Protein backbone atom coordinates (compact mmCIF):
# COMPACT_ATOMS: atom_id res chain seq x y z
CA MET A 1 10.73 7.16 11.53
CA ARG A 2 13.46 5.87 9.54
CA MET A 3 13.79 2.53 11.72
CA THR A 4 10.24 1.80 11.90
CA ARG A 5 10.31 1.85 8.06
CA MET A 6 12.96 -0.06 7.64
CA SER A 7 11.97 -2.68 10.39
CA ILE A 8 8.51 -3.10 8.76
CA VAL A 9 10.06 -3.74 5.36
CA ALA A 10 12.64 -5.87 6.74
CA SER A 11 10.21 -8.08 8.38
CA ILE A 12 8.13 -8.52 5.18
CA VAL A 13 11.70 -9.82 3.76
CA LEU A 14 12.54 -12.10 5.94
CA LEU A 15 9.14 -13.77 5.76
CA ALA A 16 9.22 -13.82 2.30
CA LEU A 17 12.65 -15.87 2.47
CA ALA A 18 11.74 -17.62 5.35
CA ALA A 19 8.25 -19.29 3.43
CA GLY A 20 10.89 -20.34 0.13
CA THR A 21 8.99 -19.39 -3.59
CA ALA A 22 9.17 -15.66 -3.70
CA PHE A 23 7.04 -15.01 -5.96
CA PHE A 24 3.95 -17.14 -4.21
CA VAL A 25 4.89 -15.86 -1.15
CA LEU A 26 4.20 -12.15 -2.71
CA ARG A 27 1.41 -13.48 -4.17
CA ALA A 28 0.33 -14.65 -0.04
CA LEU A 29 1.58 -11.40 1.25
CA THR A 30 -0.75 -9.47 -0.95
CA VAL A 31 -3.83 -11.15 0.05
CA ALA A 32 -3.02 -10.68 3.93
CA ARG A 33 -2.88 -6.57 3.13
CA ALA A 34 -6.22 -7.00 1.05
CA GLY A 35 -8.15 -8.83 3.42
CA ALA A 36 -10.89 -10.61 1.47
CA THR A 37 -10.17 -9.25 -1.67
CA HIS A 38 -7.93 -6.88 -3.80
CA SER A 39 -8.66 -4.98 -7.26
CA LEU A 40 -7.86 -3.94 -10.78
CA SER A 41 -10.09 -3.47 -13.41
CA VAL A 42 -9.30 -5.35 -16.71
CA ALA A 43 -10.26 -7.07 -19.25
CA PRO A 44 -11.00 -10.58 -19.24
CA ALA A 45 -8.64 -10.94 -22.40
CA ALA A 46 -6.28 -10.47 -20.50
CA VAL A 47 -5.92 -13.48 -19.08
CA ASN A 48 -4.24 -16.01 -19.95
CA SER A 49 -7.18 -18.97 -20.85
CA ASN A 50 -5.11 -21.85 -20.64
CA ALA A 51 -3.68 -20.75 -17.07
CA GLN A 52 -4.75 -23.76 -14.77
CA THR A 53 -7.27 -21.67 -12.09
CA GLN A 54 -5.77 -23.21 -8.84
CA ASP A 55 -1.89 -23.00 -9.74
CA VAL A 56 -1.87 -19.55 -11.12
CA PRO A 57 -0.61 -16.34 -9.21
CA VAL A 58 -3.60 -13.76 -8.46
CA LEU A 59 -3.57 -10.39 -9.32
CA TYR A 60 -5.72 -8.13 -7.28
CA PHE A 61 -6.23 -4.64 -8.16
CA ALA A 62 -9.10 -1.86 -7.06
CA LYS A 63 -12.83 -2.24 -7.82
CA ASP A 64 -13.94 1.29 -8.78
CA PRO A 65 -10.22 2.96 -7.76
CA GLU A 66 -9.73 6.52 -7.09
CA THR A 67 -8.64 9.34 -8.74
CA ALA A 68 -4.82 9.49 -8.15
CA PRO A 69 -3.93 12.58 -6.08
CA PRO A 70 -2.32 15.33 -8.71
CA PHE A 71 0.66 16.69 -8.46
CA LEU A 72 2.98 19.06 -10.19
CA VAL A 73 6.19 19.05 -9.07
CA ARG A 74 10.43 19.05 -10.88
CA ASP A 75 12.25 15.96 -10.95
CA LEU A 76 16.42 15.87 -9.88
CA SER A 77 16.85 17.52 -13.61
CA GLY A 78 14.78 20.41 -13.26
CA LYS A 79 12.11 18.44 -15.10
CA VAL A 80 8.08 19.14 -14.65
CA VAL A 81 6.50 16.06 -13.60
CA SER A 82 2.68 16.44 -13.62
CA THR A 83 0.15 13.61 -13.39
CA ALA A 84 -1.89 15.33 -15.90
CA ALA A 85 1.10 14.77 -18.19
CA LEU A 86 0.55 11.12 -17.86
CA LYS A 87 -2.42 10.17 -18.50
CA GLY A 88 -2.75 7.66 -21.27
CA LYS A 89 0.51 5.71 -19.33
CA VAL A 90 0.73 3.23 -16.54
CA VAL A 91 2.93 4.82 -13.62
CA LEU A 92 4.24 3.38 -10.76
CA LEU A 93 5.10 5.65 -7.87
CA ASN A 94 7.79 4.96 -5.77
CA PHE A 95 8.65 5.83 -2.53
CA TRP A 96 11.87 4.79 -1.63
CA ALA A 97 14.98 6.20 -0.11
CA THR A 98 19.06 6.01 -0.83
CA TRP A 99 19.02 4.57 2.91
CA CYS A 100 16.57 2.02 2.55
CA GLY A 101 18.17 -1.25 1.51
CA PRO A 102 15.30 -2.88 0.27
CA CYS A 103 14.68 0.18 -1.90
CA ARG A 104 18.21 -0.22 -3.32
CA GLU A 105 17.30 -4.21 -4.00
CA GLU A 106 14.08 -3.23 -6.06
CA ILE A 107 15.92 -0.25 -8.03
CA PRO A 108 17.28 -2.78 -10.99
CA GLU A 109 13.67 -3.80 -11.25
CA MET A 110 12.42 -0.49 -11.64
CA ILE A 111 15.01 0.31 -14.22
CA LYS A 112 14.14 -3.14 -16.00
CA LEU A 113 10.55 -2.52 -16.41
CA GLN A 114 11.03 1.53 -17.27
CA ALA A 115 13.30 0.09 -20.44
CA GLN A 116 11.40 -2.73 -21.16
CA TYR A 117 7.86 -0.36 -21.49
CA LYS A 118 9.23 2.90 -22.02
CA ASP A 119 6.68 4.23 -23.93
CA THR A 120 3.49 2.91 -22.06
CA LEU A 121 4.94 3.29 -18.32
CA GLU A 122 6.25 5.92 -16.55
CA VAL A 123 7.98 4.68 -13.03
CA ILE A 124 8.79 7.83 -11.04
CA GLY A 125 10.71 7.78 -7.74
CA ALA A 126 9.51 9.98 -4.94
CA SER A 127 12.99 9.83 -2.63
CA GLU A 128 12.01 10.23 1.22
CA ASP A 129 15.69 10.79 1.94
CA GLU A 130 16.35 13.90 4.19
CA ALA A 131 19.68 14.48 3.03
CA PRO A 132 20.16 17.75 -0.43
CA PRO A 133 18.30 16.66 -3.39
CA GLU A 134 22.24 17.10 -5.30
CA GLN A 135 23.27 13.84 -2.89
CA VAL A 136 19.82 12.14 -4.10
CA ALA A 137 20.71 12.82 -7.60
CA ASN A 138 24.41 11.63 -7.74
CA PHE A 139 23.37 8.40 -5.78
CA ALA A 140 20.39 7.98 -8.63
CA LYS A 141 23.39 8.88 -11.39
CA LYS A 142 25.31 6.49 -9.99
CA ALA A 143 22.39 3.33 -9.52
CA GLY A 144 21.51 3.99 -13.45
CA ILE A 145 18.59 5.04 -12.27
CA ASN A 146 16.24 6.06 -15.89
CA TYR A 147 12.99 7.29 -14.70
CA PRO A 148 11.94 10.90 -12.96
CA VAL A 149 13.18 11.24 -9.29
CA ILE A 150 11.30 14.03 -7.18
CA MET A 151 11.50 14.96 -3.55
CA SER A 152 8.81 13.94 -1.36
CA SER A 153 6.81 15.66 0.63
CA ALA A 154 4.73 15.80 3.43
CA GLN A 155 1.51 16.90 1.25
CA LEU A 156 2.62 14.23 -1.13
CA GLU A 157 2.50 11.77 1.29
CA ARG A 158 -0.59 13.01 3.38
CA GLU A 159 -2.10 12.75 -0.11
CA TYR A 160 -1.46 9.44 -0.56
CA GLY A 161 -2.66 8.35 2.49
CA GLY A 162 0.40 8.16 4.15
CA VAL A 163 3.86 5.87 3.37
CA ALA A 164 4.13 3.67 6.98
CA ALA A 165 6.87 1.65 5.26
CA LEU A 166 9.28 1.62 1.85
CA PRO A 167 9.70 0.66 -0.29
CA THR A 168 5.75 1.88 -1.22
CA THR A 169 4.69 1.80 -4.70
CA PHE A 170 1.65 3.53 -5.67
CA VAL A 171 -0.43 1.31 -9.27
CA ILE A 172 -1.74 3.78 -11.29
CA ASN A 173 -3.81 2.19 -14.38
CA ALA A 174 -3.61 4.36 -17.73
CA ASP A 175 -6.96 6.27 -16.30
CA GLY A 176 -5.07 8.16 -14.15
CA ARG A 177 -6.75 6.03 -10.98
CA VAL A 178 -4.97 4.37 -8.28
CA VAL A 179 -5.78 0.66 -8.25
CA GLN A 180 -3.04 -1.25 -6.09
CA LYS A 181 -0.60 -0.33 -3.07
CA ASN A 182 2.48 -2.70 -2.94
CA VAL A 183 4.39 -2.42 0.56
CA GLY A 184 7.61 -4.61 0.59
CA VAL A 185 10.13 -5.57 -2.12
CA TYR A 186 8.11 -7.45 -4.85
CA PRO A 187 9.51 -9.84 -7.65
CA PHE A 188 10.41 -8.13 -11.35
CA ASP A 189 7.73 -10.56 -12.67
CA PHE A 190 5.11 -9.38 -10.53
CA TYR A 191 5.66 -6.10 -11.95
CA ASP A 192 5.61 -7.46 -15.40
CA MET A 193 2.61 -9.15 -14.66
CA GLU A 194 0.67 -6.39 -13.74
CA VAL A 195 1.87 -3.69 -16.10
CA ARG A 196 0.87 -5.89 -18.59
CA SER A 197 -2.61 -6.34 -17.32
CA MET A 198 -3.10 -2.75 -16.91
CA MET A 199 -1.93 -2.79 -20.82
CA GLY A 200 -4.35 -4.86 -21.59
CA MET A 201 -1.85 -7.64 -22.94
CA PRO A 202 -1.93 -11.53 -21.92
CA VAL A 203 -0.60 -12.77 -18.48
CA THR A 204 -0.33 -15.81 -16.92
CA ALA A 205 -2.85 -14.91 -14.05
CA ARG A 206 -5.88 -14.62 -12.47
CA ILE A 207 -7.30 -11.21 -11.96
CA GLU A 208 -9.64 -10.61 -8.90
CA THR A 209 -10.89 -7.17 -7.49
CA PHE A 210 -11.31 -5.56 -4.03
CA LYS A 211 -13.37 -2.77 -2.23
CA ASP A 212 -10.52 -0.50 -1.02
CA THR A 213 -11.18 -0.13 2.45
CA GLY A 214 -8.32 1.83 3.49
CA GLN A 215 -5.65 -1.42 1.74
CA ILE A 216 -5.03 1.79 -0.54
CA PHE A 217 -6.12 5.17 0.60
CA LEU A 218 -6.34 4.31 4.78
CA LYS A 219 -9.60 7.19 4.27
CA ASN A 220 -10.99 4.32 3.25
CA ALA A 221 -11.04 2.73 6.25
CA ALA A 222 -14.36 4.05 7.14
CA ARG A 223 -16.02 1.75 4.62
CA ALA A 224 -14.34 -1.61 6.12
CA ASN A 225 -16.77 -4.08 7.88
CA GLU A 226 -13.63 -5.92 9.26
CA LEU A 227 -10.37 -4.90 11.02
CA PRO A 228 -7.56 -7.30 11.42
CA GLY A 229 -7.53 -8.63 14.79
CA VAL A 230 -10.46 -7.15 15.64
CA SER A 231 -13.41 -9.52 16.55
CA PHE A 232 -16.52 -8.60 15.92
CA ALA A 233 -18.47 -11.97 16.79
CA GLY A 234 -21.68 -11.90 19.18
CA LEU A 235 -22.75 -8.47 17.86
CA THR A 236 -25.73 -7.95 16.59
CA ALA A 237 -25.77 -5.93 13.11
CA ALA A 238 -26.62 -2.66 14.84
CA GLN A 239 -23.68 -2.82 17.23
CA LYS A 240 -21.16 -3.72 15.08
CA LYS A 241 -22.42 -0.72 13.21
CA ILE A 242 -21.72 1.30 16.71
CA ALA A 243 -18.64 -0.46 17.00
CA LEU A 244 -16.98 0.89 13.20
CA HIS A 245 -18.16 4.19 13.51
CA ARG A 246 -16.48 4.58 16.99
CA LEU A 247 -13.26 3.09 15.41
CA ASN A 248 -13.36 5.30 12.67
CA ALA A 249 -13.83 8.61 15.22
CA GLN A 250 -11.73 7.53 17.75
CA SER A 251 -7.57 8.12 17.59
CA CYS A 252 -5.12 5.26 18.22
CA THR A 253 -2.95 6.67 21.23
CA CYS A 254 0.23 4.26 19.95
CA GLY A 255 1.52 7.44 18.70
CA CYS A 256 0.90 7.23 14.72
CA LYS A 257 -2.10 9.74 14.86
CA LEU A 258 -3.91 7.91 12.84
CA THR A 259 -7.97 6.44 13.68
CA LEU A 260 -7.93 2.99 15.21
CA ALA A 261 -9.64 1.51 12.18
CA GLU A 262 -7.21 3.39 10.12
CA CYS A 263 -4.12 2.07 13.02
CA ARG A 264 -5.60 -1.77 12.77
CA ILE A 265 -5.36 -1.54 8.75
CA ASN A 266 -1.81 -0.08 8.85
CA ASP A 267 0.18 -1.73 11.34
CA THR A 268 -1.65 -4.98 11.82
CA THR A 269 0.83 -6.08 15.13
CA CYS A 270 0.19 -2.74 16.96
CA PRO A 271 -0.69 -4.05 20.05
CA ILE A 272 -2.06 -0.54 21.25
CA SER A 273 -5.05 -0.21 18.61
CA SER A 274 -6.02 -4.01 18.81
CA GLY A 275 -6.01 -3.41 22.50
CA ILE A 276 -7.80 -0.64 22.44
CA ALA A 277 -10.17 -1.87 19.71
CA ASN A 278 -11.35 -4.81 20.90
CA LYS A 279 -11.93 -3.36 24.59
CA ILE A 280 -14.46 -1.11 22.77
CA VAL A 281 -16.17 -3.96 20.78
CA ARG A 282 -16.44 -6.15 24.16
CA ALA A 283 -17.67 -2.93 25.77
CA ILE A 284 -20.61 -2.33 23.34
CA ALA A 285 -21.24 -5.88 23.13
CA SER A 286 -22.00 -5.82 27.32
CA GLY A 287 -23.95 -2.80 26.43
CA LYS A 288 -21.40 -1.14 28.96
CA THR A 289 -20.45 1.80 26.27
CA GLY A 290 -19.51 4.60 28.47
CA SER A 291 -16.55 3.57 31.22
CA SER A 292 -15.09 0.85 29.21
CA ALA A 293 -15.01 3.00 26.29
CA ALA A 294 -13.21 5.88 28.34
CA ALA A 295 -11.19 3.15 30.09
CA ALA A 296 -9.91 1.30 26.72
CA LYS A 297 -8.43 5.02 25.90
CA THR A 298 -6.01 4.74 28.26
CA GLY A 299 -2.16 2.65 27.87
CA PRO A 300 1.02 2.60 27.14
CA ALA A 301 1.51 4.56 24.22
CA LYS A 302 4.42 3.61 21.52
CA LEU A 303 5.49 5.15 18.08
CA HIS A 304 5.22 3.07 15.01
């Protein structure tokens, strides 16, 4: 599990380095993860009207965002951390680990953000470490972390839809709703603009919204009309509906414990879900939904 998460994050970082300007690469990665759309509900006044539409970065936030799953835990210092007590503040729920290189790279950015917006922002570090809390606390102290650090749990991960890579940061607005999920390392300026946007402050960026079809919460994959790497070309509207229903009902055999639709969204590089999903679609297109769909379930298993 650790190696998988680290390798996924490392791939994101290497892609960014290879493409050049980090900020615009991350913008491109955000677009790719969002599919056609991403979202955040923010007043138009929060966007700098002098910005050139084609030259400015784009911030994506969920349209009609869902309420953040509530939690009540104690941080490593023994203080209570509660979602209920955070209403009115922007929250960055950052899943990380001491052994994660990209996570350590990102920590100074989170420290800077917390210091800069201490009255209106709360960064919360959810440690994925299997090491004792005392060891994580020592690391946090040496790193100068100035925000609460809690120990993650299977329940917390499950409620936030699973954390497939580290770092993963859920962006929660002042109303307690999750408007975005950032996977990988993002530059400070990117997070600064996200936070400022949710505070209603001016930003030199264009704000666009998207319907969450699994980009934030995997459970919403059932809302998706398209899936990464799956071609629905040639299907009638009725056939496509059948295909999407099946892809949301059948489990992937790669070991991820997700449905085929969820796996395609969660791991676009997975050859198992890609192969099975496209076989199912072709079977439905040809009218051979029985034997072909059953055959599509077979294949080598792999662990993410």
